[in-house]
Amino acid sequence: LTATDTDEGMNGQVMYSFQTLSTKASQIYKLDSDTGAITLLQSLDFEEGDSYELEVKAKDGGGLFDTAKVS
């Protein structure tokens, strides 16, 4: 994921976190709080679930944020 903020300094730095994440999804996906990269912690097993929905929050240093759903 990518979020941008045109502010300078700390107010322009964006940090990423999962807003909502099921217990199962937390065992499968990892989110890099600095880059927004979502990676797998294990292989996907489509017999256990054929889709996941992740809600990610992007927050700047000034406390402003927005969320996005990733399916």
Protein backbone atom coordinates (compact mmCIF):
# COMPACT_ATOMS: atom_id res chain seq x y z
CA LEU A 1 0.00 0.00 0.00
CA THR A 2 1.08 3.57 -0.50
CA ALA A 3 -0.17 6.70 1.21
CA THR A 4 1.39 10.13 0.78
CA ASP A 5 1.43 13.30 2.84
CA THR A 6 2.91 16.52 1.51
CA ASP A 7 3.72 17.90 4.97
CA GLU A 8 7.38 18.20 5.91
CA GLY A 9 9.10 16.57 8.87
CA MET A 10 7.28 14.31 11.31
CA ASN A 11 3.83 15.40 10.08
CA GLY A 12 4.65 14.00 6.64
CA GLN A 13 5.71 10.55 7.85
CA VAL A 14 3.07 7.88 7.28
CA MET A 15 2.81 4.77 9.45
CA TYR A 16 0.67 1.76 8.53
CA SER A 17 -1.25 -0.63 10.77
CA PHE A 18 -4.08 -3.11 10.49
CA GLN A 19 -7.33 -1.45 11.55
CA THR A 20 -9.23 -4.72 11.83
CA LEU A 21 -7.81 -8.18 11.32
CA SER A 22 -9.27 -11.58 12.10
CA THR A 23 -7.27 -14.02 14.20
CA LYS A 24 -6.83 -16.30 11.18
CA ALA A 25 -5.65 -13.46 8.93
CA SER A 26 -3.16 -12.30 11.58
CA GLN A 27 -1.48 -15.72 11.30
CA ILE A 28 -1.17 -15.34 7.52
CA TYR A 29 -0.41 -11.67 6.80
CA LYS A 30 2.22 -9.23 8.05
CA LEU A 31 2.16 -5.47 7.45
CA ASP A 32 5.37 -3.43 7.45
CA SER A 33 4.46 -0.30 9.43
CA ASP A 34 7.05 1.84 7.60
CA THR A 35 6.57 0.78 3.98
CA GLY A 36 2.97 -0.50 3.85
CA ALA A 37 4.13 -3.79 2.31
CA ILE A 38 1.86 -6.73 3.05
CA THR A 39 3.62 -10.10 3.04
CA LEU A 40 2.66 -13.70 3.74
CA LEU A 41 3.78 -15.43 6.93
CA GLN A 42 2.76 -18.82 5.51
CA SER A 43 1.44 -20.29 2.30
CA LEU A 44 -2.20 -19.72 1.45
CA ASP A 45 -4.51 -22.72 1.75
CA PHE A 46 -7.61 -22.16 -0.36
CA GLU A 47 -9.35 -25.09 1.34
CA GLU A 48 -9.34 -23.06 4.58
CA GLY A 49 -10.46 -19.80 3.01
CA ASP A 50 -10.75 -18.51 -0.53
CA SER A 51 -10.57 -14.81 0.33
CA TYR A 52 -9.53 -12.42 3.08
CA GLU A 53 -10.42 -8.79 3.68
CA LEU A 54 -7.90 -6.64 5.52
CA GLU A 55 -8.53 -3.08 6.70
CA VAL A 56 -5.36 -0.99 6.82
CA LYS A 57 -4.91 2.39 8.51
CA ALA A 58 -2.41 4.97 7.25
CA LYS A 59 -1.65 7.64 9.89
CA ASP A 60 0.60 10.67 9.59
CA GLY A 61 2.71 12.26 12.33
CA GLY A 62 0.05 14.90 12.93
CA GLY A 63 -2.56 12.32 13.91
CA LEU A 64 -4.59 12.39 10.69
CA PHE A 65 -5.45 9.02 9.18
CA ASP A 66 -7.43 7.20 6.55
CA THR A 67 -8.29 3.55 6.01
CA ALA A 68 -8.47 1.23 3.02
CA LYS A 69 -9.82 -2.28 2.53
CA VAL A 70 -7.62 -4.82 0.80
CA SER A 71 -9.30 -7.95 -0.53
